Amino acid sequence: MRRMFWVAVGAAGGIYAYKRGQQFVEESRERGVVMTVQQVAMNAASTVESARAMVESRLNQQRTFDDEGA
């Protein structure tokens, strides 16, 4: 069951990162801005931070559930 949870988290994180990347590329094309390494790094860091917050939130919910159930 836990493996399935992590597979789902990984899939959700991958989809989220893909969507954010696509949005970033579209915005860059519309503005005519050439993506730099710094912009890509900032976008990746933002995406990782969002995914980390989502996982931490889920883990805190799981711990609360485990504490109540035990």
PDB file of N, CA and C in Angstrom:
ATOM      1  N   MET A   1       0.819  -1.183   0.000  1.00  0.00           N
ATOM      2  CA  MET A   1       0.000   0.000   0.000  1.00  0.00           C
ATOM      3  C   MET A   1       0.870   1.256   0.000  1.00  0.00           C
ATOM      4  N   ARG A   2       1.940   1.230   0.777  1.00  0.00           N
ATOM      5  CA  ARG A   2       2.822   2.400   0.838  1.00  0.00           C
ATOM      6  C   ARG A   2       3.543   2.628  -0.488  1.00  0.00           C
ATOM      7  N   ARG A   3       3.904   1.539  -1.152  1.00  0.00           N
ATOM      8  CA  ARG A   3       4.557   1.684  -2.461  1.00  0.00           C
ATOM      9  C   ARG A   3       3.614   2.355  -3.445  1.00  0.00           C
ATOM     10  N   MET A   4       2.372   1.963  -3.397  1.00  0.00           N
ATOM     11  CA  MET A   4       1.380   2.554  -4.286  1.00  0.00           C
ATOM     12  C   MET A   4       1.246   4.051  -3.999  1.00  0.00           C
ATOM     13  N   PHE A   5       1.289   4.411  -2.726  1.00  0.00           N
ATOM     14  CA  PHE A   5       1.237   5.826  -2.351  1.00  0.00           C
ATOM     15  C   PHE A   5       2.405   6.577  -2.986  1.00  0.00           C
ATOM     16  N   TRP A   6       3.623   6.046  -2.865  1.00  0.00           N
ATOM     17  CA  TRP A   6       4.796   6.734  -3.400  1.00  0.00           C
ATOM     18  C   TRP A   6       4.785   6.764  -4.925  1.00  0.00           C
ATOM     19  N   VAL A   7       4.247   5.726  -5.539  1.00  0.00           N
ATOM     20  CA  VAL A   7       4.099   5.738  -7.004  1.00  0.00           C
ATOM     21  C   VAL A   7       3.143   6.855  -7.395  1.00  0.00           C
ATOM     22  N   ALA A   8       2.045   6.981  -6.655  1.00  0.00           N
ATOM     23  CA  ALA A   8       1.070   8.044  -6.933  1.00  0.00           C
ATOM     24  C   ALA A   8       1.683   9.421  -6.700  1.00  0.00           C
ATOM     25  N   VAL A   9       2.451   9.577  -5.627  1.00  0.00           N
ATOM     26  CA  VAL A   9       3.114  10.858  -5.359  1.00  0.00           C
ATOM     27  C   VAL A   9       4.096  11.180  -6.480  1.00  0.00           C
ATOM     28  N   GLY A  10       4.854  10.200  -6.910  1.00  0.00           N
ATOM     29  CA  GLY A  10       5.802  10.412  -7.998  1.00  0.00           C
ATOM     30  C   GLY A  10       5.110  10.786  -9.299  1.00  0.00           C
ATOM     31  N   ALA A  11       4.027  10.103  -9.591  1.00  0.00           N
ATOM     32  CA  ALA A  11       3.277  10.417 -10.809  1.00  0.00           C
ATOM     33  C   ALA A  11       2.684  11.811 -10.736  1.00  0.00           C
ATOM     34  N   ALA A  12       2.099  12.148  -9.600  1.00  0.00           N
ATOM     35  CA  ALA A  12       1.514  13.484  -9.436  1.00  0.00           C
ATOM     36  C   ALA A  12       2.596  14.559  -9.523  1.00  0.00           C
ATOM     37  N   GLY A  13       3.736  14.302  -8.902  1.00  0.00           N
ATOM     38  CA  GLY A  13       4.845  15.255  -8.967  1.00  0.00           C
ATOM     39  C   GLY A  13       5.366  15.420 -10.386  1.00  0.00           C
ATOM     40  N   GLY A  14       5.458  14.326 -11.109  1.00  0.00           N
ATOM     41  CA  GLY A  14       5.909  14.387 -12.496  1.00  0.00           C
ATOM     42  C   GLY A  14       4.953  15.158 -13.380  1.00  0.00           C
ATOM     43  N   ILE A  15       3.665  14.912 -13.196  1.00  0.00           N
ATOM     44  CA  ILE A  15       2.665  15.638 -13.981  1.00  0.00           C
ATOM     45  C   ILE A  15       2.695  17.116 -13.638  1.00  0.00           C
ATOM     46  N   TYR A  16       2.804  17.422 -12.351  1.00  0.00           N
ATOM     47  CA  TYR A  16       2.867  18.820 -11.913  1.00  0.00           C
ATOM     48  C   TYR A  16       4.092  19.513 -12.516  1.00  0.00           C
ATOM     49  N   ALA A  17       5.246  18.857 -12.456  1.00  0.00           N
ATOM     50  CA  ALA A  17       6.473  19.444 -13.014  1.00  0.00           C
ATOM     51  C   ALA A  17       6.339  19.651 -14.521  1.00  0.00           C
ATOM     52  N   TYR A  18       5.755  18.697 -15.211  1.00  0.00           N
ATOM     53  CA  TYR A  18       5.561  18.804 -16.653  1.00  0.00           C
ATOM     54  C   TYR A  18       4.668  19.993 -16.990  1.00  0.00           C
ATOM     55  N   LYS A  19       3.548  20.109 -16.268  1.00  0.00           N
ATOM     56  CA  LYS A  19       2.617  21.208 -16.528  1.00  0.00           C
ATOM     57  C   LYS A  19       3.265  22.567 -16.250  1.00  0.00           C
ATOM     58  N   ARG A  20       4.013  22.650 -15.150  1.00  0.00           N
ATOM     59  CA  ARG A  20       4.690  23.905 -14.823  1.00  0.00           C
ATOM     60  C   ARG A  20       5.741  24.241 -15.887  1.00  0.00           C
ATOM     61  N   GLY A  21       6.454  23.240 -16.342  1.00  0.00           N
ATOM     62  CA  GLY A  21       7.456  23.454 -17.383  1.00  0.00           C
ATOM     63  C   GLY A  21       6.816  23.920 -18.683  1.00  0.00           C
ATOM     64  N   GLN A  22       5.716  23.295 -19.051  1.00  0.00           N
ATOM     65  CA  GLN A  22       5.001  23.694 -20.269  1.00  0.00           C
ATOM     66  C   GLN A  22       4.512  25.139 -20.158  1.00  0.00           C
ATOM     67  N   GLN A  23       3.956  25.472 -19.002  1.00  0.00           N
ATOM     68  CA  GLN A  23       3.467  26.840 -18.780  1.00  0.00           C
ATOM     69  C   GLN A  23       4.617  27.843 -18.888  1.00  0.00           C
ATOM     70  N   PHE A  24       5.740  27.496 -18.313  1.00  0.00           N
ATOM     71  CA  PHE A  24       6.911  28.374 -18.353  1.00  0.00           C
ATOM     72  C   PHE A  24       7.389  28.580 -19.786  1.00  0.00           C
ATOM     73  N   VAL A  25       7.433  27.513 -20.564  1.00  0.00           N
ATOM     74  CA  VAL A  25       7.870  27.602 -21.957  1.00  0.00           C
ATOM     75  C   VAL A  25       6.904  28.467 -22.766  1.00  0.00           C
ATOM     76  N   GLU A  26       5.608  28.261 -22.567  1.00  0.00           N
ATOM     77  CA  GLU A  26       4.615  29.056 -23.286  1.00  0.00           C
ATOM     78  C   GLU A  26       4.743  30.538 -22.955  1.00  0.00           C
ATOM     79  N   GLU A  27       4.893  30.857 -21.686  1.00  0.00           N
ATOM     80  CA  GLU A  27       5.042  32.259 -21.282  1.00  0.00           C
ATOM     81  C   GLU A  27       6.309  32.855 -21.877  1.00  0.00           C
ATOM     82  N   SER A  28       7.370  32.085 -21.902  1.00  0.00           N
ATOM     83  CA  SER A  28       8.638  32.576 -22.452  1.00  0.00           C
ATOM     84  C   SER A  28       8.513  32.840 -23.947  1.00  0.00           C
ATOM     85  N   ARG A  29       7.835  31.960 -24.648  1.00  0.00           N
ATOM     86  CA  ARG A  29       7.650  32.150 -26.091  1.00  0.00           C
ATOM     87  C   ARG A  29       6.808  33.381 -26.372  1.00  0.00           C
ATOM     88  N   GLU A  30       5.752  33.577 -25.581  1.00  0.00           N
ATOM     89  CA  GLU A  30       4.882  34.724 -25.785  1.00  0.00           C
ATOM     90  C   GLU A  30       5.629  36.042 -25.571  1.00  0.00           C
ATOM     91  N   ARG A  31       6.513  36.066 -24.610  1.00  0.00           N
ATOM     92  CA  ARG A  31       7.281  37.282 -24.325  1.00  0.00           C
ATOM     93  C   ARG A  31       8.498  37.410 -25.236  1.00  0.00           C
ATOM     94  N   GLY A  32       8.818  36.361 -25.942  1.00  0.00           N
ATOM     95  CA  GLY A  32       9.988  36.390 -26.804  1.00  0.00           C
ATOM     96  C   GLY A  32      11.288  36.326 -26.021  1.00  0.00           C
ATOM     97  N   VAL A  33      11.201  35.796 -24.831  1.00  0.00           N
ATOM     98  CA  VAL A  33      12.375  35.718 -23.952  1.00  0.00           C
ATOM     99  C   VAL A  33      13.083  34.382 -24.186  1.00  0.00           C
ATOM    100  N   VAL A  34      14.365  34.449 -24.337  1.00  0.00           N
ATOM    101  CA  VAL A  34      15.150  33.236 -24.452  1.00  0.00           C
ATOM    102  C   VAL A  34      15.412  32.719 -23.042  1.00  0.00           C
ATOM    103  N   MET A  35      15.085  31.422 -22.826  1.00  0.00           N
ATOM    104  CA  MET A  35      15.286  30.857 -21.493  1.00  0.00           C
ATOM    105  C   MET A  35      16.777  30.770 -21.184  1.00  0.00           C
ATOM    106  N   THR A  36      17.119  31.184 -20.004  1.00  0.00           N
ATOM    107  CA  THR A  36      18.497  31.074 -19.546  1.00  0.00           C
ATOM    108  C   THR A  36      18.588  29.954 -18.526  1.00  0.00           C
ATOM    109  N   VAL A  37      19.781  29.566 -18.230  1.00  0.00           N
ATOM    110  CA  VAL A  37      19.993  28.508 -17.248  1.00  0.00           C
ATOM    111  C   VAL A  37      19.455  28.946 -15.889  1.00  0.00           C
ATOM    112  N   GLN A  38      19.610  30.202 -15.572  1.00  0.00           N
ATOM    113  CA  GLN A  38      19.120  30.702 -14.292  1.00  0.00           C
ATOM    114  C   GLN A  38      17.590  30.606 -14.208  1.00  0.00           C
ATOM    115  N   GLN A  39      16.886  30.944 -15.265  1.00  0.00           N
ATOM    116  CA  GLN A  39      15.428  30.860 -15.265  1.00  0.00           C
ATOM    117  C   GLN A  39      14.973  29.412 -15.113  1.00  0.00           C
ATOM    118  N   VAL A  40      15.627  28.520 -15.796  1.00  0.00           N
ATOM    119  CA  VAL A  40      15.275  27.108 -15.700  1.00  0.00           C
ATOM    120  C   VAL A  40      15.526  26.600 -14.283  1.00  0.00           C
ATOM    121  N   ALA A  41      16.652  26.986 -13.691  1.00  0.00           N
ATOM    122  CA  ALA A  41      16.970  26.562 -12.327  1.00  0.00           C
ATOM    123  C   ALA A  41      15.941  27.099 -11.334  1.00  0.00           C
ATOM    124  N   MET A  42      15.531  28.339 -11.507  1.00  0.00           N
ATOM    125  CA  MET A  42      14.534  28.917 -10.606  1.00  0.00           C
ATOM    126  C   MET A  42      13.202  28.183 -10.743  1.00  0.00           C
ATOM    127  N   ASN A  43      12.815  27.865 -11.956  1.00  0.00           N
ATOM    128  CA  ASN A  43      11.562  27.141 -12.177  1.00  0.00           C
ATOM    129  C   ASN A  43      11.638  25.739 -11.579  1.00  0.00           C
ATOM    130  N   ALA A  44      12.758  25.079 -11.752  1.00  0.00           N
ATOM    131  CA  ALA A  44      12.926  23.739 -11.191  1.00  0.00           C
ATOM    132  C   ALA A  44      12.897  23.786  -9.665  1.00  0.00           C
ATOM    133  N   ALA A  45      13.554  24.769  -9.085  1.00  0.00           N
ATOM    134  CA  ALA A  45      13.561  24.899  -7.626  1.00  0.00           C
ATOM    135  C   ALA A  45      12.154  25.156  -7.098  1.00  0.00           C
ATOM    136  N   SER A  46      11.408  25.973  -7.794  1.00  0.00           N
ATOM    137  CA  SER A  46      10.026  26.255  -7.393  1.00  0.00           C
ATOM    138  C   SER A  46       9.175  25.000  -7.466  1.00  0.00           C
ATOM    139  N   THR A  47       9.349  24.240  -8.512  1.00  0.00           N
ATOM    140  CA  THR A  47       8.583  23.010  -8.682  1.00  0.00           C
ATOM    141  C   THR A  47       8.937  21.997  -7.596  1.00  0.00           C
ATOM    142  N   VAL A  48      10.220  21.855  -7.312  1.00  0.00           N
ATOM    143  CA  VAL A  48      10.659  20.917  -6.275  1.00  0.00           C
ATOM    144  C   VAL A  48      10.111  21.348  -4.915  1.00  0.00           C
ATOM    145  N   GLU A  49      10.148  22.636  -4.631  1.00  0.00           N
ATOM    146  CA  GLU A  49       9.635  23.128  -3.353  1.00  0.00           C
ATOM    147  C   GLU A  49       8.137  22.857  -3.225  1.00  0.00           C
ATOM    148  N   SER A  50       7.398  23.047  -4.295  1.00  0.00           N
ATOM    149  CA  SER A  50       5.960  22.764  -4.271  1.00  0.00           C
ATOM    150  C   SER A  50       5.708  21.277  -4.039  1.00  0.00           C
ATOM    151  N   ALA A  51       6.462  20.439  -4.711  1.00  0.00           N
ATOM    152  CA  ALA A  51       6.309  18.989  -4.535  1.00  0.00           C
ATOM    153  C   ALA A  51       6.682  18.581  -3.119  1.00  0.00           C
ATOM    154  N   ARG A  52       7.747  19.172  -2.583  1.00  0.00           N
ATOM    155  CA  ARG A  52       8.181  18.861  -1.223  1.00  0.00           C
ATOM    156  C   ARG A  52       7.088  19.245  -0.217  1.00  0.00           C
ATOM    157  N   ALA A  53       6.497  20.409  -0.394  1.00  0.00           N
ATOM    158  CA  ALA A  53       5.431  20.851   0.503  1.00  0.00           C
ATOM    159  C   ALA A  53       4.237  19.907   0.426  1.00  0.00           C
ATOM    160  N   MET A  54       3.921  19.453  -0.783  1.00  0.00           N
ATOM    161  CA  MET A  54       2.802  18.537  -0.962  1.00  0.00           C
ATOM    162  C   MET A  54       3.081  17.207  -0.253  1.00  0.00           C
ATOM    163  N   VAL A  55       4.295  16.689  -0.383  1.00  0.00           N
ATOM    164  CA  VAL A  55       4.652  15.420   0.249  1.00  0.00           C
ATOM    165  C   VAL A  55       4.672  15.576   1.769  1.00  0.00           C
ATOM    166  N   GLU A  56       5.243  16.668   2.272  1.00  0.00           N
ATOM    167  CA  GLU A  56       5.276  16.890   3.714  1.00  0.00           C
ATOM    168  C   GLU A  56       3.869  16.983   4.283  1.00  0.00           C
ATOM    169  N   SER A  57       2.990  17.650   3.577  1.00  0.00           N
ATOM    170  CA  SER A  57       1.606  17.759   4.020  1.00  0.00           C
ATOM    171  C   SER A  57       0.969  16.379   4.099  1.00  0.00           C
ATOM    172  N   ARG A  58       1.195  15.574   3.079  1.00  0.00           N
ATOM    173  CA  ARG A  58       0.625  14.224   3.045  1.00  0.00           C
ATOM    174  C   ARG A  58       1.206  13.365   4.160  1.00  0.00           C
ATOM    175  N   LEU A  59       2.511  13.488   4.408  1.00  0.00           N
ATOM    176  CA  LEU A  59       3.134  12.705   5.480  1.00  0.00           C
ATOM    177  C   LEU A  59       2.608  13.125   6.844  1.00  0.00           C
ATOM    178  N   ASN A  60       2.392  14.417   7.039  1.00  0.00           N
ATOM    179  CA  ASN A  60       1.837  14.892   8.308  1.00  0.00           C
ATOM    180  C   ASN A  60       0.431  14.364   8.503  1.00  0.00           C
ATOM    181  N   GLN A  61      -0.351  14.321   7.439  1.00  0.00           N
ATOM    182  CA  GLN A  61      -1.695  13.760   7.535  1.00  0.00           C
ATOM    183  C   GLN A  61      -1.621  12.274   7.882  1.00  0.00           C
ATOM    184  N   GLN A  62      -0.681  11.573   7.273  1.00  0.00           N
ATOM    185  CA  GLN A  62      -0.530  10.139   7.527  1.00  0.00           C
ATOM    186  C   GLN A  62      -0.110   9.901   8.971  1.00  0.00           C
ATOM    187  N   ARG A  63       0.817  10.719   9.483  1.00  0.00           N
ATOM    188  CA  ARG A  63       1.256  10.565  10.875  1.00  0.00           C
ATOM    189  C   ARG A  63       0.097  10.815  11.823  1.00  0.00           C
ATOM    190  N   THR A  64      -0.683  11.828  11.550  1.00  0.00           N
ATOM    191  CA  THR A  64      -1.843  12.135  12.396  1.00  0.00           C
ATOM    192  C   THR A  64      -2.817  10.963  12.382  1.00  0.00           C
ATOM    193  N   PHE A  65      -3.061  10.411  11.210  1.00  0.00           N
ATOM    194  CA  PHE A  65      -3.949   9.261  11.082  1.00  0.00           C
ATOM    195  C   PHE A  65      -3.393   8.060  11.858  1.00  0.00           C
ATOM    196  N   ASP A  66      -2.069   7.813  11.744  1.00  0.00           N
ATOM    197  CA  ASP A  66      -1.445   6.695  12.437  1.00  0.00           C
ATOM    198  C   ASP A  66      -1.518   6.897  13.944  1.00  0.00           C
ATOM    199  N   ASP A  67      -1.303   8.129  14.420  1.00  0.00           N
ATOM    200  CA  ASP A  67      -1.356   8.411  15.851  1.00  0.00           C
ATOM    201  C   ASP A  67      -2.763   8.211  16.409  1.00  0.00           C
ATOM    202  N   GLU A  68      -3.760   8.605  15.655  1.00  0.00           N
ATOM    203  CA  GLU A  68      -5.137   8.447  16.102  1.00  0.00           C
ATOM    204  C   GLU A  68      -5.567   6.991  16.082  1.00  0.00           C
ATOM    205  N   GLY A  69      -5.054   6.243  15.100  1.00  0.00           N
ATOM    206  CA  GLY A  69      -5.456   4.853  14.960  1.00  0.00           C
ATOM    207  C   GLY A  69      -4.746   3.925  15.919  1.00  0.00           C
ATOM    208  N   ALA A  70      -3.588   4.341  16.436  1.00  0.00           N
ATOM    209  CA  ALA A  70      -2.799   3.458  17.304  1.00  0.00           C
ATOM    210  C   ALA A  70      -3.237   3.449  18.729  1.00  0.00           C
TER     211      ALA A  70
END
